[in-house]
Amino acid sequence: MVSKLALFTCLLGLWPLAGLAQQSAPNPERIRQQQAFEQVIDSRCTLCHTRERIDQARRQGGNLGEIQQRMLDRGAKLTEQEQSTLRAFWGDPLK
């Protein structure tokens, strides 16, 4: 017979996993937006920079507004939609 303490301990250990299935379900809109972000990076930013340099700036928390303005001043071409897409995912790819 299983003691109440053993059962409680087992259930308590599984409790954090209870919502895992719901949290890990892919959100199609989120996936589409993330793909759009990656496409802007790959089609616009990597014309002048390596992907490594871009990812490093993201990890370091570079100010995207300042970065975008510098790049636009230097001749980069970004539509308002592309700028918005970059702002949505720049600092935190999981937000």
Protein backbone atom coordinates (compact mmCIF):
# COMPACT_ATOMS: atom_id res chain seq x y z
CA MET A 1 0.00 0.00 0.00
CA VAL A 2 1.32 3.43 -0.92
CA SER A 3 1.62 5.90 1.90
CA LYS A 4 -0.14 9.24 1.64
CA LEU A 5 3.23 10.99 1.91
CA ALA A 6 4.69 8.98 -0.99
CA LEU A 7 1.62 9.67 -3.13
CA PHE A 8 1.69 13.38 -2.28
CA THR A 9 5.40 13.59 -3.05
CA CYS A 10 4.89 11.86 -6.39
CA LEU A 11 2.00 14.14 -7.34
CA LEU A 12 3.87 17.22 -6.19
CA GLY A 13 6.79 16.23 -8.40
CA LEU A 14 4.50 15.92 -11.43
CA TRP A 15 2.56 19.12 -10.76
CA PRO A 16 4.87 21.40 -12.79
CA LEU A 17 4.40 19.08 -15.77
CA ALA A 18 0.60 19.33 -15.65
CA GLY A 19 0.46 22.44 -17.85
CA LEU A 20 3.39 21.48 -20.06
CA ALA A 21 1.22 20.06 -22.84
CA GLN A 22 -0.76 23.28 -23.03
CA GLN A 23 2.33 25.51 -22.93
CA SER A 24 4.24 23.57 -25.57
CA ALA A 25 1.42 23.52 -28.13
CA PRO A 26 2.62 25.58 -31.10
CA ASN A 27 0.83 28.84 -31.73
CA PRO A 28 0.51 29.20 -35.53
CA GLU A 29 0.41 33.02 -35.43
CA ARG A 30 3.48 33.13 -33.18
CA ILE A 31 5.33 30.79 -35.53
CA ARG A 32 4.37 32.94 -38.54
CA GLN A 33 5.60 36.10 -36.80
CA GLN A 34 8.88 34.45 -35.79
CA GLN A 35 9.39 33.29 -39.38
CA ALA A 36 8.73 36.83 -40.61
CA PHE A 37 11.36 38.12 -38.14
CA GLU A 38 13.92 35.60 -39.37
CA GLN A 39 13.11 36.49 -42.97
CA VAL A 40 13.76 40.20 -42.34
CA ILE A 41 17.06 39.39 -40.65
CA ASP A 42 18.10 37.06 -43.48
CA SER A 43 16.91 39.24 -46.36
CA ARG A 44 17.86 42.70 -45.06
CA CYS A 45 20.35 42.64 -42.21
CA THR A 46 22.65 39.97 -43.56
CA LEU A 47 23.28 42.03 -46.69
CA CYS A 48 25.88 43.91 -44.63
CA HIS A 49 26.38 41.84 -41.46
CA THR A 50 27.02 38.23 -40.58
CA ARG A 51 24.24 36.41 -38.77
CA GLU A 52 26.68 35.91 -35.89
CA ARG A 53 27.10 39.68 -35.48
CA ILE A 54 23.33 40.20 -35.50
CA ASP A 55 22.72 37.44 -32.96
CA GLN A 56 25.45 38.85 -30.74
CA ALA A 57 23.80 42.29 -30.78
CA ARG A 58 20.50 40.65 -29.81
CA ARG A 59 22.10 38.72 -26.95
CA GLN A 60 23.82 41.86 -25.67
CA GLY A 61 20.51 43.72 -25.69
CA GLY A 62 21.54 46.35 -28.20
CA ASN A 63 19.01 49.19 -28.49
CA LEU A 64 17.13 48.32 -31.66
CA GLY A 65 15.80 51.85 -32.17
CA GLU A 66 19.33 53.25 -32.23
CA ILE A 67 20.63 50.39 -34.37
CA GLN A 68 17.82 50.78 -36.89
CA GLN A 69 18.35 54.52 -37.14
CA ARG A 70 22.10 54.09 -37.73
CA MET A 71 21.44 51.49 -40.40
CA LEU A 72 18.79 53.65 -42.10
CA ASP A 73 21.19 56.61 -42.02
CA ARG A 74 23.74 54.41 -43.76
CA GLY A 75 21.33 53.44 -46.51
CA ALA A 76 19.54 50.35 -45.23
CA LYS A 77 16.07 49.89 -46.68
CA LEU A 78 13.41 48.69 -44.23
CA THR A 79 9.68 49.09 -44.65
CA GLU A 80 7.56 50.14 -41.68
CA GLN A 81 6.28 46.53 -41.50
CA GLU A 82 9.83 45.16 -41.41
CA GLN A 83 10.81 47.63 -38.69
CA SER A 84 7.74 46.64 -36.67
CA THR A 85 8.54 42.95 -37.10
CA LEU A 86 12.10 43.50 -35.85
CA ARG A 87 10.87 45.46 -32.83
CA ALA A 88 8.45 42.67 -31.92
CA PHE A 89 11.17 40.02 -31.54
CA TRP A 90 14.49 41.83 -31.15
CA GLY A 91 15.32 41.54 -27.47
CA ASP A 92 13.51 38.35 -26.61
CA PRO A 93 12.90 35.68 -29.26
CA LEU A 94 10.46 33.95 -26.95
CA LYS A 95 8.26 36.90 -26.07
